[in-house]
Amino acid sequence: MLGALSLAAWIFRCRALGWVGGALVAGVFLHLALDTPLGGVLWLYPLSKHSFSWYEVPATRSWWVWSFVLHWSFLSELAICAAAAVVLARRRMRGRAASRCAAPTG
């Protein structure tokens, strides 16, 4: 997919497609990096099937999702979501303030 986006960006000389490809790759690696502490990631696959993780979440509940939600590490995920919500809210407030101050057109 990244190769197709890069080729399309080069053919159509569209920088936006290049940015989309870069964001795609960054998102994939961010997802893998955030899964490494608890989820376990096969960073060396296919050379090795060793799963890298820092901590193991014990199966304390019958449904595995509750074991993750009730683990102390889930607070870090909530903090990331809260930080993203704060950034989004600030950007929207800035956008509204800028639109109020803009001179009317027409």
N, C-alpha and C. Protein backbone atom coordinates (compact mmCIF):
# COMPACT_ATOMS: atom_id res chain seq x y z
N MET A 1 0.82 -1.18 0.00
CA MET A 1 0.00 0.00 0.00
C MET A 1 0.87 1.25 0.00
N LEU A 2 1.93 1.25 0.83
CA LEU A 2 2.82 2.41 0.87
C LEU A 2 3.49 2.60 -0.47
N GLY A 3 3.89 1.50 -1.11
CA GLY A 3 4.51 1.59 -2.43
C GLY A 3 3.56 2.19 -3.45
N ALA A 4 2.30 1.80 -3.40
CA ALA A 4 1.31 2.35 -4.33
C ALA A 4 1.09 3.83 -4.09
N LEU A 5 1.04 4.24 -2.82
CA LEU A 5 0.88 5.66 -2.50
C LEU A 5 2.09 6.46 -2.96
N SER A 6 3.28 5.92 -2.74
CA SER A 6 4.50 6.61 -3.16
C SER A 6 4.55 6.75 -4.68
N LEU A 7 4.19 5.69 -5.38
CA LEU A 7 4.18 5.73 -6.84
C LEU A 7 3.15 6.74 -7.35
N ALA A 8 1.96 6.74 -6.76
CA ALA A 8 0.92 7.70 -7.16
C ALA A 8 1.37 9.13 -6.87
N ALA A 9 2.02 9.35 -5.73
CA ALA A 9 2.50 10.69 -5.40
C ALA A 9 3.54 11.15 -6.41
N TRP A 10 4.40 10.24 -6.85
CA TRP A 10 5.44 10.60 -7.82
C TRP A 10 4.83 10.85 -9.21
N ILE A 11 3.90 9.98 -9.63
CA ILE A 11 3.29 10.13 -10.95
C ILE A 11 2.46 11.41 -11.03
N PHE A 12 1.63 11.65 -10.04
CA PHE A 12 0.73 12.79 -10.08
C PHE A 12 1.34 14.05 -9.46
N ARG A 13 2.57 13.94 -8.98
CA ARG A 13 3.27 15.05 -8.35
C ARG A 13 2.39 15.70 -7.27
N CYS A 14 1.85 14.84 -6.41
CA CYS A 14 0.94 15.27 -5.36
C CYS A 14 1.60 15.04 -4.00
N ARG A 15 1.96 16.12 -3.35
CA ARG A 15 2.62 16.00 -2.04
C ARG A 15 1.69 15.43 -0.98
N ALA A 16 0.40 15.67 -1.13
CA ALA A 16 -0.54 15.18 -0.13
C ALA A 16 -0.50 13.66 -0.03
N LEU A 17 -0.36 12.98 -1.16
CA LEU A 17 -0.27 11.51 -1.13
C LEU A 17 1.00 11.06 -0.41
N GLY A 18 2.08 11.80 -0.59
CA GLY A 18 3.31 11.49 0.13
C GLY A 18 3.13 11.62 1.64
N TRP A 19 2.41 12.66 2.05
CA TRP A 19 2.14 12.85 3.48
C TRP A 19 1.25 11.74 4.01
N VAL A 20 0.30 11.30 3.22
CA VAL A 20 -0.58 10.21 3.64
C VAL A 20 0.24 8.94 3.84
N GLY A 21 1.15 8.66 2.91
CA GLY A 21 2.01 7.48 3.04
C GLY A 21 2.89 7.56 4.28
N GLY A 22 3.46 8.74 4.53
CA GLY A 22 4.29 8.92 5.72
C GLY A 22 3.49 8.74 7.00
N ALA A 23 2.27 9.28 7.01
CA ALA A 23 1.41 9.13 8.18
C ALA A 23 1.03 7.66 8.39
N LEU A 24 0.83 6.94 7.30
CA LEU A 24 0.50 5.52 7.38
C LEU A 24 1.64 4.73 8.04
N VAL A 25 2.85 4.96 7.57
CA VAL A 25 4.01 4.26 8.14
C VAL A 25 4.20 4.65 9.60
N ALA A 26 4.09 5.94 9.90
CA ALA A 26 4.24 6.40 11.28
C ALA A 26 3.18 5.76 12.19
N GLY A 27 1.95 5.64 11.69
CA GLY A 27 0.89 5.02 12.47
C GLY A 27 1.15 3.56 12.75
N VAL A 28 1.66 2.85 11.76
CA VAL A 28 1.96 1.43 11.95
C VAL A 28 3.05 1.25 13.01
N PHE A 29 4.13 2.02 12.90
CA PHE A 29 5.21 1.87 13.87
C PHE A 29 4.83 2.36 15.26
N LEU A 30 3.99 3.39 15.35
CA LEU A 30 3.50 3.83 16.65
C LEU A 30 2.64 2.75 17.28
N HIS A 31 1.80 2.11 16.48
CA HIS A 31 0.96 1.02 16.99
C HIS A 31 1.83 -0.12 17.53
N LEU A 32 2.85 -0.51 16.77
CA LEU A 32 3.74 -1.58 17.22
C LEU A 32 4.50 -1.19 18.48
N ALA A 33 4.97 0.05 18.52
CA ALA A 33 5.72 0.51 19.70
C ALA A 33 4.83 0.54 20.94
N LEU A 34 3.57 0.95 20.79
CA LEU A 34 2.67 0.99 21.94
C LEU A 34 2.18 -0.40 22.35
N ASP A 35 2.21 -1.35 21.44
CA ASP A 35 1.83 -2.73 21.79
C ASP A 35 2.97 -3.49 22.46
N THR A 36 4.20 -3.06 22.27
CA THR A 36 5.35 -3.80 22.79
C THR A 36 5.36 -3.96 24.31
N PRO A 37 5.07 -2.93 25.11
CA PRO A 37 5.19 -3.12 26.56
C PRO A 37 4.33 -4.24 27.12
N LEU A 38 3.12 -4.43 26.63
CA LEU A 38 2.23 -5.42 27.22
C LEU A 38 1.72 -6.47 26.25
N GLY A 39 1.53 -6.11 25.01
CA GLY A 39 0.91 -7.03 24.07
C GLY A 39 1.86 -8.05 23.48
N GLY A 40 3.10 -7.67 23.34
CA GLY A 40 4.05 -8.56 22.70
C GLY A 40 4.02 -8.40 21.19
N VAL A 41 5.17 -8.10 20.60
CA VAL A 41 5.27 -7.88 19.16
C VAL A 41 6.40 -8.74 18.62
N LEU A 42 6.19 -9.35 17.47
CA LEU A 42 7.21 -10.16 16.81
C LEU A 42 8.09 -9.25 15.96
N TRP A 43 8.99 -8.48 16.60
CA TRP A 43 9.80 -7.50 15.90
C TRP A 43 10.75 -8.13 14.88
N LEU A 44 11.21 -9.34 15.09
CA LEU A 44 12.18 -9.97 14.20
C LEU A 44 11.55 -10.99 13.25
N TYR A 45 10.23 -11.01 13.17
CA TYR A 45 9.57 -11.95 12.28
C TYR A 45 9.90 -11.60 10.83
N PRO A 46 10.21 -12.52 9.97
CA PRO A 46 10.16 -13.97 10.02
C PRO A 46 11.47 -14.62 10.46
N LEU A 47 12.44 -13.84 10.86
CA LEU A 47 13.71 -14.43 11.30
C LEU A 47 13.56 -15.16 12.63
N SER A 48 12.70 -14.65 13.49
CA SER A 48 12.49 -15.25 14.80
C SER A 48 11.02 -15.10 15.18
N LYS A 49 10.49 -16.08 15.87
CA LYS A 49 9.10 -16.00 16.33
C LYS A 49 9.02 -15.63 17.80
N HIS A 50 10.07 -14.97 18.30
CA HIS A 50 10.10 -14.52 19.69
C HIS A 50 9.24 -13.28 19.85
N SER A 51 8.34 -13.31 20.82
CA SER A 51 7.46 -12.17 21.09
C SER A 51 8.10 -11.29 22.16
N PHE A 52 8.34 -10.02 21.81
CA PHE A 52 8.96 -9.08 22.73
C PHE A 52 7.88 -8.32 23.51
N SER A 53 7.96 -8.37 24.82
CA SER A 53 7.08 -7.57 25.68
C SER A 53 7.79 -7.31 26.99
N TRP A 54 7.42 -6.22 27.66
CA TRP A 54 8.08 -5.85 28.91
C TRP A 54 7.39 -6.47 30.12
N TYR A 55 6.07 -6.50 30.08
CA TYR A 55 5.30 -7.04 31.19
C TYR A 55 4.31 -8.05 30.64
N GLU A 56 3.85 -8.92 31.53
CA GLU A 56 2.82 -9.87 31.14
C GLU A 56 1.56 -9.56 31.94
N VAL A 57 0.46 -9.44 31.27
CA VAL A 57 -0.81 -9.20 31.94
C VAL A 57 -1.40 -10.56 32.31
N PRO A 58 -1.54 -10.82 33.61
CA PRO A 58 -2.07 -12.13 34.00
C PRO A 58 -3.56 -12.23 33.68
N ALA A 59 -3.99 -13.43 33.36
CA ALA A 59 -5.40 -13.68 33.04
C ALA A 59 -6.18 -13.77 34.35
N THR A 60 -6.70 -12.62 34.80
CA THR A 60 -7.42 -12.58 36.08
C THR A 60 -8.92 -12.66 35.89
N ARG A 61 -9.41 -12.49 34.68
CA ARG A 61 -10.84 -12.51 34.39
C ARG A 61 -11.13 -13.56 33.33
N SER A 62 -12.37 -13.97 33.24
CA SER A 62 -12.73 -15.00 32.26
C SER A 62 -12.65 -14.46 30.84
N TRP A 63 -12.97 -13.19 30.63
CA TRP A 63 -12.85 -12.57 29.31
C TRP A 63 -11.55 -11.76 29.31
N TRP A 64 -10.63 -12.04 28.41
CA TRP A 64 -9.29 -11.47 28.43
C TRP A 64 -9.29 -9.95 28.36
N VAL A 65 -10.30 -9.34 27.76
CA VAL A 65 -10.34 -7.89 27.65
C VAL A 65 -10.39 -7.24 29.03
N TRP A 66 -11.16 -7.81 29.95
CA TRP A 66 -11.24 -7.25 31.29
C TRP A 66 -9.91 -7.36 32.02
N SER A 67 -9.12 -8.38 31.71
CA SER A 67 -7.79 -8.49 32.32
C SER A 67 -6.93 -7.29 31.94
N PHE A 68 -7.02 -6.83 30.69
CA PHE A 68 -6.27 -5.65 30.25
C PHE A 68 -6.86 -4.37 30.82
N VAL A 69 -8.18 -4.24 30.80
CA VAL A 69 -8.82 -3.01 31.27
C VAL A 69 -8.57 -2.78 32.75
N LEU A 70 -8.56 -3.84 33.53
CA LEU A 70 -8.37 -3.70 34.98
C LEU A 70 -6.91 -3.78 35.40
N HIS A 71 -5.99 -3.87 34.46
CA HIS A 71 -4.55 -3.88 34.78
C HIS A 71 -4.06 -2.44 34.94
N TRP A 72 -3.05 -2.22 35.79
CA TRP A 72 -2.56 -0.86 36.05
C TRP A 72 -2.06 -0.17 34.79
N SER A 73 -1.58 -0.92 33.83
CA SER A 73 -1.01 -0.33 32.62
C SER A 73 -2.05 0.34 31.73
N PHE A 74 -3.32 0.01 31.93
CA PHE A 74 -4.38 0.61 31.12
C PHE A 74 -4.46 2.11 31.36
N LEU A 75 -3.98 2.57 32.51
CA LEU A 75 -3.98 4.02 32.79
C LEU A 75 -3.13 4.78 31.79
N SER A 76 -2.04 4.17 31.31
CA SER A 76 -1.21 4.85 30.31
C SER A 76 -1.98 5.03 29.01
N GLU A 77 -2.79 4.06 28.63
CA GLU A 77 -3.60 4.20 27.42
C GLU A 77 -4.66 5.28 27.59
N LEU A 78 -5.24 5.35 28.78
CA LEU A 78 -6.21 6.41 29.05
C LEU A 78 -5.54 7.78 29.02
N ALA A 79 -4.31 7.87 29.52
CA ALA A 79 -3.57 9.14 29.48
C ALA A 79 -3.29 9.57 28.05
N ILE A 80 -2.94 8.63 27.18
CA ILE A 80 -2.69 8.96 25.77
C ILE A 80 -3.97 9.48 25.12
N CYS A 81 -5.09 8.82 25.39
CA CYS A 81 -6.38 9.27 24.82
C CYS A 81 -6.77 10.63 25.37
N ALA A 82 -6.54 10.87 26.65
CA ALA A 82 -6.87 12.17 27.25
C ALA A 82 -6.00 13.27 26.65
N ALA A 83 -4.71 12.99 26.44
CA ALA A 83 -3.83 13.98 25.82
C ALA A 83 -4.27 14.30 24.40
N ALA A 84 -4.68 13.29 23.66
CA ALA A 84 -5.17 13.51 22.29
C ALA A 84 -6.44 14.34 22.31
N ALA A 85 -7.32 14.10 23.27
CA ALA A 85 -8.57 14.87 23.37
C ALA A 85 -8.28 16.33 23.71
N VAL A 86 -7.29 16.57 24.57
CA VAL A 86 -6.91 17.94 24.92
C VAL A 86 -6.35 18.66 23.70
N VAL A 87 -5.47 17.99 22.95
CA VAL A 87 -4.90 18.61 21.74
C VAL A 87 -6.01 18.92 20.74
N LEU A 88 -6.93 17.99 20.54
CA LEU A 88 -8.04 18.21 19.61
C LEU A 88 -8.89 19.39 20.05
N ALA A 89 -9.23 19.45 21.33
CA ALA A 89 -10.06 20.54 21.84
C ALA A 89 -9.36 21.89 21.67
N ARG A 90 -8.06 21.93 21.96
CA ARG A 90 -7.31 23.20 21.81
C ARG A 90 -7.26 23.63 20.36
N ARG A 91 -7.06 22.71 19.45
CA ARG A 91 -7.01 23.07 18.03
C ARG A 91 -8.36 23.57 17.54
N ARG A 92 -9.42 22.94 18.01
CA ARG A 92 -10.75 23.40 17.60
C ARG A 92 -11.06 24.77 18.17
N MET A 93 -10.65 25.01 19.41
CA MET A 93 -10.86 26.33 20.01
C MET A 93 -10.07 27.39 19.26
N ARG A 94 -8.84 27.08 18.88
CA ARG A 94 -8.01 28.01 18.12
C ARG A 94 -8.63 28.30 16.75
N GLY A 95 -9.18 27.25 16.13
CA GLY A 95 -9.82 27.41 14.83
C GLY A 95 -11.05 28.30 14.92
N ARG A 96 -11.83 28.14 15.98
CA ARG A 96 -13.02 28.98 16.15
C ARG A 96 -12.63 30.43 16.44
N ALA A 97 -11.58 30.61 17.25
CA ALA A 97 -11.15 31.97 17.57
C ALA A 97 -10.62 32.66 16.32
N ALA A 98 -9.91 31.93 15.48
CA ALA A 98 -9.37 32.52 14.25
C ALA A 98 -10.48 32.87 13.28
N SER A 99 -11.55 32.04 13.24
CA SER A 99 -12.63 32.33 12.30
C SER A 99 -13.44 33.55 12.77
N ARG A 100 -13.50 33.79 14.08
CA ARG A 100 -14.20 34.97 14.59
C ARG A 100 -13.44 36.26 14.28
N CYS A 101 -12.11 36.16 14.28
CA CYS A 101 -11.28 37.34 14.07
C CYS A 101 -11.05 37.64 12.59
N ALA A 102 -11.39 36.72 11.74
CA ALA A 102 -11.13 36.91 10.31
C ALA A 102 -12.05 37.99 9.74
N ALA A 103 -11.50 38.74 8.80
CA ALA A 103 -12.30 39.78 8.16
C ALA A 103 -13.34 39.14 7.25
N PRO A 104 -14.52 39.70 7.22
CA PRO A 104 -15.56 39.12 6.35
C PRO A 104 -15.19 39.27 4.89
N THR A 105 -15.52 38.27 4.12
CA THR A 105 -15.23 38.31 2.67
C THR A 105 -16.51 38.50 1.91
N GLY A 106 -16.42 39.16 0.79
CA GLY A 106 -17.60 39.24 -0.04
C GLY A 106 -17.98 40.60 -0.46
